Amino acid sequence: MNTHPGRRTRVLVATTATAGMVLLAACTSTDDGGGGATTAGGVELVKAGQLTTCTHLPYPPFQSEIDGKVQGFDVALIDLVADDLGVKQQILDTPFENFKTGAFLNSGECDLAAAGMTITDERKKNVDFSDPYFNATQAVLVAKDSGVGSLADVKSENVKLGAQAQTTGEDYVKGEGFDPVSFESSDAVLNGLRTGQVKAVVIDYPVVQGWLKDKANADAFTVAEQIDTGEQYGFTVKKGNKALQDAVNKALADAKADGTYKKLYEQWIGPYDESAASPAAS
């Protein structure tokens, strides 16, 4: 995939009939990075009348195309921000590595990034994070007949391991001495496991939960181990964009206070877990 900011970027326009709940997406392509900034609710936006979000598809249950619509937990939460600002969310599908550098934020193509992204000190050097909105563990997923019961088994039995490129899951297993097969997307990770290219994968547990909702996947694969790496997800804005950072944090706090967050969590993630759903700010 071409990773240069000038690449043709998929634009997915998400609008809501009820904030965060009904999403309609029109898929087009554009080379247009311009627009003319405006302000909404005191927040400066890169394009008038819309909140432009960079993401990386697919990453269910946080963002993916379902029946031609861009949907997911991240999408629904950012729709709440857009609703507070009186605008609509537009989503750009971009390479994941750009989220670590803040490239699309710095170039003025996006207002914020929402991509199931873990808050790390390294990433904080390039972007400003919102308050954490989700606690995430890593999962080791294997075929049911693999005989692998843990990450330690993967190492001791010299099982070929896969992970998604540029993710904390990949960083974690490399730090544990593995040399994983690196896949471009979460879909490619799953396909690598299905085709036998790898015998085990490490990826964020909520993604695995989404996969296992499909009966064929649930019949074939099982979670060998969950690894608590202390990860928390956050949305990102350009360094110094405190007005938008504050708007995101307010929308998250309001959603947790009025029950909207719980409703969306149950819709997209699963049974509501207070400790996972309401992490302390880091």
C-alpha atoms as a PDB file:
ATOM      1  CA  MET A   1       0.000   0.000   0.000  1.00  0.00           C
ATOM      2  CA  ASN A   2       1.219   3.494  -0.841  1.00  0.00           C
ATOM      3  CA  THR A   3       1.832   5.208   2.482  1.00  0.00           C
ATOM      4  CA  HIS A   4       2.459   8.739   1.221  1.00  0.00           C
ATOM      5  CA  PRO A   5      -0.020  11.395   2.431  1.00  0.00           C
ATOM      6  CA  GLY A   6      -0.788  12.339  -1.199  1.00  0.00           C
ATOM      7  CA  ARG A   7      -2.174   8.899  -2.040  1.00  0.00           C
ATOM      8  CA  ARG A   8      -5.730   8.508  -3.226  1.00  0.00           C
ATOM      9  CA  THR A   9      -7.611   8.238   0.028  1.00  0.00           C
ATOM     10  CA  ARG A  10     -10.927   6.468   0.404  1.00  0.00           C
ATOM     11  CA  VAL A  11     -13.516   8.887   1.721  1.00  0.00           C
ATOM     12  CA  LEU A  12     -16.454   7.493   3.627  1.00  0.00           C
ATOM     13  CA  VAL A  13     -19.125   9.990   4.618  1.00  0.00           C
ATOM     14  CA  ALA A  14     -20.955   8.953   7.764  1.00  0.00           C
ATOM     15  CA  THR A  15     -24.114  10.763   8.825  1.00  0.00           C
ATOM     16  CA  THR A  16     -26.464  10.098  11.695  1.00  0.00           C
ATOM     17  CA  ALA A  17     -30.228  10.087  11.960  1.00  0.00           C
ATOM     18  CA  THR A  18     -29.880   9.500  15.699  1.00  0.00           C
ATOM     19  CA  ALA A  19     -26.519  10.467  17.133  1.00  0.00           C
ATOM     20  CA  GLY A  20     -24.140   7.565  16.937  1.00  0.00           C
ATOM     21  CA  MET A  21     -26.768   4.992  16.017  1.00  0.00           C
ATOM     22  CA  VAL A  22     -27.794   5.151  12.355  1.00  0.00           C
ATOM     23  CA  LEU A  23     -24.852   5.472   9.970  1.00  0.00           C
ATOM     24  CA  LEU A  24     -25.130   5.976   6.239  1.00  0.00           C
ATOM     25  CA  ALA A  25     -21.899   5.814   4.262  1.00  0.00           C
ATOM     26  CA  ALA A  26     -21.234   6.852   0.662  1.00  0.00           C
ATOM     27  CA  CYS A  27     -17.924   5.547  -0.673  1.00  0.00           C
ATOM     28  CA  THR A  28     -15.951   7.633  -3.140  1.00  0.00           C
ATOM     29  CA  SER A  29     -12.339   8.435  -3.965  1.00  0.00           C
ATOM     30  CA  THR A  30     -10.660  11.794  -3.842  1.00  0.00           C
ATOM     31  CA  ASP A  31      -7.319  13.465  -4.219  1.00  0.00           C
ATOM     32  CA  ASP A  32      -8.682  16.610  -2.586  1.00  0.00           C
ATOM     33  CA  GLY A  33      -6.858  17.564   0.588  1.00  0.00           C
ATOM     34  CA  GLY A  34      -8.026  21.190   0.641  1.00  0.00           C
ATOM     35  CA  GLY A  35     -11.162  22.732   1.986  1.00  0.00           C
ATOM     36  CA  GLY A  36     -11.150  25.956   3.976  1.00  0.00           C
ATOM     37  CA  ALA A  37     -11.382  25.821   7.740  1.00  0.00           C
ATOM     38  CA  THR A  38     -14.289  26.995   9.832  1.00  0.00           C
ATOM     39  CA  THR A  39     -15.234  26.877  13.490  1.00  0.00           C
ATOM     40  CA  ALA A  40     -18.073  25.004  15.147  1.00  0.00           C
ATOM     41  CA  GLY A  41     -18.639  25.313  18.864  1.00  0.00           C
ATOM     42  CA  GLY A  42     -15.288  27.089  19.130  1.00  0.00           C
ATOM     43  CA  VAL A  43     -13.461  24.223  17.405  1.00  0.00           C
ATOM     44  CA  GLU A  44     -11.508  24.879  14.222  1.00  0.00           C
ATOM     45  CA  LEU A  45     -12.211  22.237  11.561  1.00  0.00           C
ATOM     46  CA  VAL A  46     -10.198  21.422   8.445  1.00  0.00           C
ATOM     47  CA  LYS A  47     -13.337  21.554   6.270  1.00  0.00           C
ATOM     48  CA  ALA A  48     -16.482  23.572   6.802  1.00  0.00           C
ATOM     49  CA  GLY A  49     -19.502  21.719   8.109  1.00  0.00           C
ATOM     50  CA  GLN A  50     -17.843  18.393   8.846  1.00  0.00           C
ATOM     51  CA  LEU A  51     -15.670  16.594  11.365  1.00  0.00           C
ATOM     52  CA  THR A  52     -13.071  14.745   9.311  1.00  0.00           C
ATOM     53  CA  THR A  53     -11.861  11.510  10.898  1.00  0.00           C
ATOM     54  CA  CYS A  54      -8.900   9.421   9.797  1.00  0.00           C
ATOM     55  CA  THR A  55      -9.232   5.696  10.412  1.00  0.00           C
ATOM     56  CA  HIS A  56      -7.862   2.432   9.075  1.00  0.00           C
ATOM     57  CA  LEU A  57     -10.365  -0.113   7.789  1.00  0.00           C
ATOM     58  CA  PRO A  58     -11.251  -2.747   8.658  1.00  0.00           C
ATOM     59  CA  TYR A  59     -10.894  -2.991  12.408  1.00  0.00           C
ATOM     60  CA  PRO A  60     -14.120  -4.458  13.751  1.00  0.00           C
ATOM     61  CA  PRO A  61     -15.832  -3.882  16.088  1.00  0.00           C
ATOM     62  CA  PHE A  62     -14.344  -0.377  16.188  1.00  0.00           C
ATOM     63  CA  GLN A  63     -14.694   0.517  12.516  1.00  0.00           C
ATOM     64  CA  SER A  64     -15.568  -1.521   9.440  1.00  0.00           C
ATOM     65  CA  GLU A  65     -17.927  -1.517   6.496  1.00  0.00           C
ATOM     66  CA  ILE A  66     -21.100  -3.477   7.199  1.00  0.00           C
ATOM     67  CA  ASP A  67     -23.700  -3.668   4.423  1.00  0.00           C
ATOM     68  CA  GLY A  68     -21.992  -0.758   2.669  1.00  0.00           C
ATOM     69  CA  LYS A  69     -22.008   1.436   5.789  1.00  0.00           C
ATOM     70  CA  VAL A  70     -19.059   2.454   7.937  1.00  0.00           C
ATOM     71  CA  GLN A  71     -19.990   1.356  11.429  1.00  0.00           C
ATOM     72  CA  GLY A  72     -18.423   0.512  14.765  1.00  0.00           C
ATOM     73  CA  PHE A  73     -17.758   1.602  18.312  1.00  0.00           C
ATOM     74  CA  ASP A  74     -15.246   4.322  17.377  1.00  0.00           C
ATOM     75  CA  VAL A  75     -17.500   5.636  14.621  1.00  0.00           C
ATOM     76  CA  ALA A  76     -20.476   5.886  16.957  1.00  0.00           C
ATOM     77  CA  LEU A  77     -18.488   7.683  19.670  1.00  0.00           C
ATOM     78  CA  ILE A  78     -17.037  10.241  17.255  1.00  0.00           C
ATOM     79  CA  ASP A  79     -20.516  10.808  15.860  1.00  0.00           C
ATOM     80  CA  LEU A  80     -21.400  12.067  19.333  1.00  0.00           C
ATOM     81  CA  VAL A  81     -18.579  14.623  19.064  1.00  0.00           C
ATOM     82  CA  ALA A  82     -19.791  15.717  15.627  1.00  0.00           C
ATOM     83  CA  ASP A  83     -23.341  16.012  16.940  1.00  0.00           C
ATOM     84  CA  ASP A  84     -22.165  18.275  19.785  1.00  0.00           C
ATOM     85  CA  LEU A  85     -20.388  20.475  17.221  1.00  0.00           C
ATOM     86  CA  GLY A  86     -23.447  20.615  14.964  1.00  0.00           C
ATOM     87  CA  VAL A  87     -21.689  18.964  12.013  1.00  0.00           C
ATOM     88  CA  LYS A  88     -21.489  15.535  10.358  1.00  0.00           C
ATOM     89  CA  GLN A  89     -18.597  13.097  10.486  1.00  0.00           C
ATOM     90  CA  GLN A  90     -16.653  12.239   7.340  1.00  0.00           C
ATOM     91  CA  ILE A  91     -14.283   9.266   7.486  1.00  0.00           C
ATOM     92  CA  LEU A  92     -11.046   8.841   5.533  1.00  0.00           C
ATOM     93  CA  ASP A  93      -9.526   5.351   5.292  1.00  0.00           C
ATOM     94  CA  THR A  94      -5.764   5.834   5.631  1.00  0.00           C
ATOM     95  CA  PRO A  95      -2.633   3.726   6.367  1.00  0.00           C
ATOM     96  CA  PHE A  96      -2.249   2.862  10.049  1.00  0.00           C
ATOM     97  CA  GLU A  97       1.394   3.954  10.221  1.00  0.00           C
ATOM     98  CA  ASN A  98       0.278   7.576   9.721  1.00  0.00           C
ATOM     99  CA  PHE A  99      -1.491   7.516  13.081  1.00  0.00           C
ATOM    100  CA  LYS A 100       1.803   7.057  14.901  1.00  0.00           C
ATOM    101  CA  THR A 101       3.310  10.113  13.211  1.00  0.00           C
ATOM    102  CA  GLY A 102       0.199  12.295  13.078  1.00  0.00           C
ATOM    103  CA  ALA A 103       0.869  12.864   9.373  1.00  0.00           C
ATOM    104  CA  PHE A 104      -2.730  13.378   8.241  1.00  0.00           C
ATOM    105  CA  LEU A 105      -3.467  15.591  11.235  1.00  0.00           C
ATOM    106  CA  ASN A 106      -0.417  17.761  10.568  1.00  0.00           C
ATOM    107  CA  SER A 107      -1.185  18.045   6.844  1.00  0.00           C
ATOM    108  CA  GLY A 108      -4.705  19.300   7.558  1.00  0.00           C
ATOM    109  CA  GLU A 109      -6.468  16.343   5.938  1.00  0.00           C
ATOM    110  CA  CYS A 110      -8.135  15.208   9.160  1.00  0.00           C
ATOM    111  CA  ASP A 111      -9.349  16.779  12.380  1.00  0.00           C
ATOM    112  CA  LEU A 112      -8.830  13.663  14.456  1.00  0.00           C
ATOM    113  CA  ALA A 113      -7.942   9.984  14.248  1.00  0.00           C
ATOM    114  CA  ALA A 114     -10.062   7.100  15.542  1.00  0.00           C
ATOM    115  CA  ALA A 115      -8.581   3.689  14.947  1.00  0.00           C
ATOM    116  CA  GLY A 116      -8.699   1.565  18.082  1.00  0.00           C
ATOM    117  CA  MET A 117      -5.338   3.146  18.910  1.00  0.00           C
ATOM    118  CA  THR A 118      -3.435   2.429  22.107  1.00  0.00           C
ATOM    119  CA  ILE A 119      -2.138   5.398  24.093  1.00  0.00           C
ATOM    120  CA  THR A 120       1.663   5.194  24.312  1.00  0.00           C
ATOM    121  CA  ASP A 121       4.374   7.620  25.376  1.00  0.00           C
ATOM    122  CA  GLU A 122       6.013   7.238  21.966  1.00  0.00           C
ATOM    123  CA  ARG A 123       2.835   8.241  20.145  1.00  0.00           C
ATOM    124  CA  LYS A 124       2.262  11.147  22.537  1.00  0.00           C
ATOM    125  CA  LYS A 125       5.390  12.747  21.076  1.00  0.00           C
ATOM    126  CA  ASN A 126       3.521  13.289  17.787  1.00  0.00           C
ATOM    127  CA  VAL A 127      -0.173  13.625  18.700  1.00  0.00           C
ATOM    128  CA  ASP A 128      -2.411  14.604  21.616  1.00  0.00           C
ATOM    129  CA  PHE A 129      -4.704  11.883  22.963  1.00  0.00           C
ATOM    130  CA  SER A 130      -8.202  12.135  24.361  1.00  0.00           C
ATOM    131  CA  ASP A 131      -9.032  10.616  27.722  1.00  0.00           C
ATOM    132  CA  PRO A 132      -8.946   6.804  27.485  1.00  0.00           C
ATOM    133  CA  TYR A 133     -12.232   5.331  26.316  1.00  0.00           C
ATOM    134  CA  PHE A 134     -11.468   1.596  26.371  1.00  0.00           C
ATOM    135  CA  ASN A 135      -9.210  -0.891  28.153  1.00  0.00           C
ATOM    136  CA  ALA A 136      -7.797  -3.485  25.758  1.00  0.00           C
ATOM    137  CA  THR A 137      -6.005  -6.772  26.313  1.00  0.00           C
ATOM    138  CA  GLN A 138      -4.173  -8.809  23.697  1.00  0.00           C
ATOM    139  CA  ALA A 139      -5.405 -12.253  22.669  1.00  0.00           C
ATOM    140  CA  VAL A 140      -3.589 -15.289  21.324  1.00  0.00           C
ATOM    141  CA  LEU A 141      -5.904 -16.915  18.766  1.00  0.00           C
ATOM    142  CA  VAL A 142      -5.216 -20.423  17.459  1.00  0.00           C
ATOM    143  CA  ALA A 143      -6.952 -23.245  15.632  1.00  0.00           C
ATOM    144  CA  LYS A 144      -8.891 -25.471  18.016  1.00  0.00           C
ATOM    145  CA  ASP A 145      -6.851 -28.512  16.996  1.00  0.00           C
ATOM    146  CA  SER A 146      -3.476 -26.755  17.313  1.00  0.00           C
ATOM    147  CA  GLY A 147      -2.652 -27.984  20.797  1.00  0.00           C
ATOM    148  CA  VAL A 148      -1.423 -24.465  21.647  1.00  0.00           C
ATOM    149  CA  GLY A 149      -2.664 -23.222  25.023  1.00  0.00           C
ATOM    150  CA  SER A 150      -0.600 -20.082  25.577  1.00  0.00           C
ATOM    151  CA  LEU A 151       1.954 -17.710  24.124  1.00  0.00           C
ATOM    152  CA  ALA A 152       4.580 -19.752  25.956  1.00  0.00           C
ATOM    153  CA  ASP A 153       3.458 -22.797  23.938  1.00  0.00           C
ATOM    154  CA  VAL A 154       3.895 -20.802  20.741  1.00  0.00           C
ATOM    155  CA  LYS A 155       7.522 -20.243  21.699  1.00  0.00           C
ATOM    156  CA  SER A 156       8.306 -23.716  23.073  1.00  0.00           C
ATOM    157  CA  GLU A 157       6.707 -25.491  20.120  1.00  0.00           C
ATOM    158  CA  ASN A 158       8.204 -23.079  17.579  1.00  0.00           C
ATOM    159  CA  VAL A 159       4.773 -22.241  16.169  1.00  0.00           C
ATOM    160  CA  LYS A 160       4.676 -19.608  13.417  1.00  0.00           C
ATOM    161  CA  LEU A 161       3.097 -16.441  14.863  1.00  0.00           C
ATOM    162  CA  GLY A 162       1.350 -13.559  13.105  1.00  0.00           C
ATOM    163  CA  ALA A 163       0.450  -9.995  14.123  1.00  0.00           C
ATOM    164  CA  GLN A 164      -0.803  -6.789  12.522  1.00  0.00           C
ATOM    165  CA  ALA A 165       1.912  -4.392  11.418  1.00  0.00           C
ATOM    166  CA  GLN A 166       2.577  -1.202  13.404  1.00  0.00           C
ATOM    167  CA  THR A 167       0.414  -2.338  16.347  1.00  0.00           C
ATOM    168  CA  THR A 168       1.143  -2.717  20.033  1.00  0.00           C
ATOM    169  CA  GLY A 169       0.398  -6.431  19.692  1.00  0.00           C
ATOM    170  CA  GLU A 170       3.265  -6.741  17.230  1.00  0.00           C
ATOM    171  CA  ASP A 171       5.484  -4.619  19.482  1.00  0.00           C
ATOM    172  CA  TYR A 172       4.636  -6.801  22.472  1.00  0.00           C
ATOM    173  CA  VAL A 173       5.516 -10.143  20.870  1.00  0.00           C
ATOM    174  CA  LYS A 174       8.717  -8.717  19.397  1.00  0.00           C
ATOM    175  CA  GLY A 175       9.608  -7.614  22.912  1.00  0.00           C
ATOM    176  CA  GLU A 176       9.026 -11.195  24.047  1.00  0.00           C
ATOM    177  CA  GLY A 177      11.569 -12.471  21.539  1.00  0.00           C
ATOM    178  CA  PHE A 178       9.266 -13.471  18.671  1.00  0.00           C
ATOM    179  CA  ASP A 179       9.747 -12.646  14.995  1.00  0.00           C
ATOM    180  CA  PRO A 180       6.100 -12.536  13.860  1.00  0.00           C
ATOM    181  CA  VAL A 181       4.790 -12.577  10.309  1.00  0.00           C
ATOM    182  CA  SER A 182       3.562  -9.012   9.796  1.00  0.00           C
ATOM    183  CA  PHE A 183       0.169  -8.439   8.160  1.00  0.00           C
ATOM    184  CA  GLU A 184      -1.151  -5.157   6.761  1.00  0.00           C
ATOM    185  CA  SER A 185      -4.642  -5.321   8.299  1.00  0.00           C
ATOM    186  CA  SER A 186      -6.706  -7.250  10.824  1.00  0.00           C
ATOM    187  CA  ASP A 187      -8.507  -9.020   7.964  1.00  0.00           C
ATOM    188  CA  ALA A 188      -5.143 -10.160   6.620  1.00  0.00           C
ATOM    189  CA  VAL A 189      -4.208 -11.465  10.084  1.00  0.00           C
ATOM    190  CA  LEU A 190      -7.335 -13.621  10.192  1.00  0.00           C
ATOM    191  CA  ASN A 191      -6.808 -14.793   6.627  1.00  0.00           C
ATOM    192  CA  GLY A 192      -3.242 -15.791   7.471  1.00  0.00           C
ATOM    193  CA  LEU A 193      -4.571 -17.983  10.276  1.00  0.00           C
ATOM    194  CA  ARG A 194      -7.314 -19.445   8.082  1.00  0.00           C
ATOM    195  CA  THR A 195      -4.921 -20.382   5.280  1.00  0.00           C
ATOM    196  CA  GLY A 196      -2.257 -21.808   7.566  1.00  0.00           C
ATOM    197  CA  GLN A 197       0.326 -19.145   6.751  1.00  0.00           C
ATOM    198  CA  VAL A 198       0.604 -18.801  10.529  1.00  0.00           C
ATOM    199  CA  LYS A 199      -0.591 -21.120  13.293  1.00  0.00           C
ATOM    200  CA  ALA A 200      -1.260 -18.457  15.939  1.00  0.00           C
ATOM    201  CA  VAL A 201      -1.905 -14.707  15.962  1.00  0.00           C
ATOM    202  CA  VAL A 202      -1.722 -11.976  18.592  1.00  0.00           C
ATOM    203  CA  ILE A 203      -4.123  -9.065  18.230  1.00  0.00           C
ATOM    204  CA  ASP A 204      -6.398  -6.912  20.399  1.00  0.00           C
ATOM    205  CA  TYR A 205      -8.972  -9.059  22.188  1.00  0.00           C
ATOM    206  CA  PRO A 206     -12.033  -6.999  21.127  1.00  0.00           C
ATOM    207  CA  VAL A 207     -11.117  -7.688  17.495  1.00  0.00           C
ATOM    208  CA  VAL A 208     -11.014 -11.409  18.257  1.00  0.00           C
ATOM    209  CA  GLN A 209     -14.391 -11.113  19.993  1.00  0.00           C
ATOM    210  CA  GLY A 210     -15.791  -9.672  16.791  1.00  0.00           C
ATOM    211  CA  TRP A 211     -14.323 -12.481  14.703  1.00  0.00           C
ATOM    212  CA  LEU A 212     -15.706 -15.167  16.997  1.00  0.00           C
ATOM    213  CA  LYS A 213     -19.248 -13.850  16.590  1.00  0.00           C
ATOM    214  CA  ASP A 214     -19.080 -15.534  13.178  1.00  0.00           C
ATOM    215  CA  LYS A 215     -19.985 -19.212  13.615  1.00  0.00           C
ATOM    216  CA  ALA A 216     -17.406 -20.454  11.113  1.00  0.00           C
ATOM    217  CA  ASN A 217     -14.645 -18.668  13.017  1.00  0.00           C
ATOM    218  CA  ALA A 218     -15.969 -19.812  16.392  1.00  0.00           C
ATOM    219  CA  ASP A 219     -16.022 -23.424  15.146  1.00  0.00           C
ATOM    220  CA  ALA A 220     -12.445 -23.234  13.862  1.00  0.00           C
ATOM    221  CA  PHE A 221     -10.574 -21.029  16.342  1.00  0.00           C
ATOM    222  CA  THR A 222     -10.227 -20.467  20.069  1.00  0.00           C
ATOM    223  CA  VAL A 223      -8.534 -17.951  22.369  1.00  0.00           C
ATOM    224  CA  ALA A 224      -5.511 -19.698  23.863  1.00  0.00           C
ATOM    225  CA  GLU A 225      -4.635 -16.831  26.185  1.00  0.00           C
ATOM    226  CA  GLN A 226      -5.504 -13.253  27.045  1.00  0.00           C
ATOM    227  CA  ILE A 227      -2.559 -11.010  27.867  1.00  0.00           C
ATOM    228  CA  ASP A 228      -3.157  -7.930  30.003  1.00  0.00           C
ATOM    229  CA  THR A 229      -0.660  -5.401  28.699  1.00  0.00           C
ATOM    230  CA  GLY A 230      -2.328  -2.456  30.455  1.00  0.00           C
ATOM    231  CA  GLU A 231      -3.358  -0.886  27.139  1.00  0.00           C
ATOM    232  CA  GLN A 232      -5.931   1.875  26.830  1.00  0.00           C
ATOM    233  CA  TYR A 233      -7.417   3.270  23.626  1.00  0.00           C
ATOM    234  CA  GLY A 234      -7.655   6.980  22.905  1.00  0.00           C
ATOM    235  CA  PHE A 235      -8.641   9.248  20.021  1.00  0.00           C
ATOM    236  CA  THR A 236      -5.981  11.629  18.724  1.00  0.00           C
ATOM    237  CA  VAL A 237      -5.861  15.242  17.563  1.00  0.00           C
ATOM    238  CA  LYS A 238      -3.083  17.407  16.208  1.00  0.00           C
ATOM    239  CA  LYS A 239      -0.556  18.536  18.806  1.00  0.00           C
ATOM    240  CA  GLY A 240      -1.900  21.633  20.558  1.00  0.00           C
ATOM    241  CA  ASN A 241      -5.516  21.302  19.343  1.00  0.00           C
ATOM    242  CA  LYS A 242      -6.909  21.611  22.857  1.00  0.00           C
ATOM    243  CA  ALA A 243     -10.338  22.851  21.757  1.00  0.00           C
ATOM    244  CA  LEU A 244     -11.059  19.641  19.836  1.00  0.00           C
ATOM    245  CA  GLN A 245      -9.392  17.486  22.500  1.00  0.00           C
ATOM    246  CA  ASP A 246     -11.705  19.062  25.095  1.00  0.00           C
ATOM    247  CA  ALA A 247     -14.742  18.528  22.839  1.00  0.00           C
ATOM    248  CA  VAL A 248     -13.914  14.837  22.476  1.00  0.00           C
ATOM    249  CA  ASN A 249     -13.392  14.430  26.215  1.00  0.00           C
ATOM    250  CA  LYS A 250     -16.688  16.194  26.955  1.00  0.00           C
ATOM    251  CA  ALA A 251     -18.595  13.950  24.543  1.00  0.00           C
ATOM    252  CA  LEU A 252     -17.056  10.844  26.148  1.00  0.00           C
ATOM    253  CA  ALA A 253     -17.841  12.045  29.676  1.00  0.00           C
ATOM    254  CA  ASP A 254     -21.422  12.968  28.741  1.00  0.00           C
ATOM    255  CA  ALA A 255     -21.967   9.605  27.037  1.00  0.00           C
ATOM    256  CA  LYS A 256     -20.770   7.734  30.125  1.00  0.00           C
ATOM    257  CA  ALA A 257     -22.955   9.890  32.389  1.00  0.00           C
ATOM    258  CA  ASP A 258     -26.194   9.549  30.409  1.00  0.00           C
ATOM    259  CA  GLY A 259     -25.954   5.840  29.496  1.00  0.00           C
ATOM    260  CA  THR A 260     -25.172   6.311  25.813  1.00  0.00           C
ATOM    261  CA  TYR A 261     -21.680   4.864  26.221  1.00  0.00           C
ATOM    262  CA  LYS A 262     -23.052   1.728  27.904  1.00  0.00           C
ATOM    263  CA  LYS A 263     -25.624   1.285  25.120  1.00  0.00           C
ATOM    264  CA  LEU A 264     -22.978   1.611  22.398  1.00  0.00           C
ATOM    265  CA  TYR A 265     -20.564  -0.644  24.288  1.00  0.00           C
ATOM    266  CA  GLU A 266     -23.181  -3.403  24.494  1.00  0.00           C
ATOM    267  CA  GLN A 267     -24.082  -2.926  20.829  1.00  0.00           C
ATOM    268  CA  TRP A 268     -20.529  -3.167  19.509  1.00  0.00           C
ATOM    269  CA  ILE A 269     -18.312  -4.817  22.122  1.00  0.00           C
ATOM    270  CA  GLY A 270     -20.490  -7.102  24.218  1.00  0.00           C
ATOM    271  CA  PRO A 271     -21.636  -7.302  27.844  1.00  0.00           C
ATOM    272  CA  TYR A 272     -20.834  -4.073  29.642  1.00  0.00           C
ATOM    273  CA  ASP A 273     -17.764  -4.299  31.844  1.00  0.00           C
ATOM    274  CA  GLU A 274     -17.449  -1.271  34.122  1.00  0.00           C
ATOM    275  CA  SER A 275     -13.692  -1.660  34.598  1.00  0.00           C
ATOM    276  CA  ALA A 276     -12.978  -2.066  30.878  1.00  0.00           C
ATOM    277  CA  ALA A 277     -15.431   0.590  29.783  1.00  0.00           C
ATOM    278  CA  SER A 278     -14.516   3.340  32.225  1.00  0.00           C
ATOM    279  CA  PRO A 279     -10.724   3.535  32.462  1.00  0.00           C
ATOM    280  CA  ALA A 280      -9.101   6.278  34.453  1.00  0.00           C
ATOM    281  CA  ALA A 281      -7.377   9.004  32.500  1.00  0.00           C
ATOM    282  CA  SER A 282      -3.708   8.284  31.941  1.00  0.00           C
END
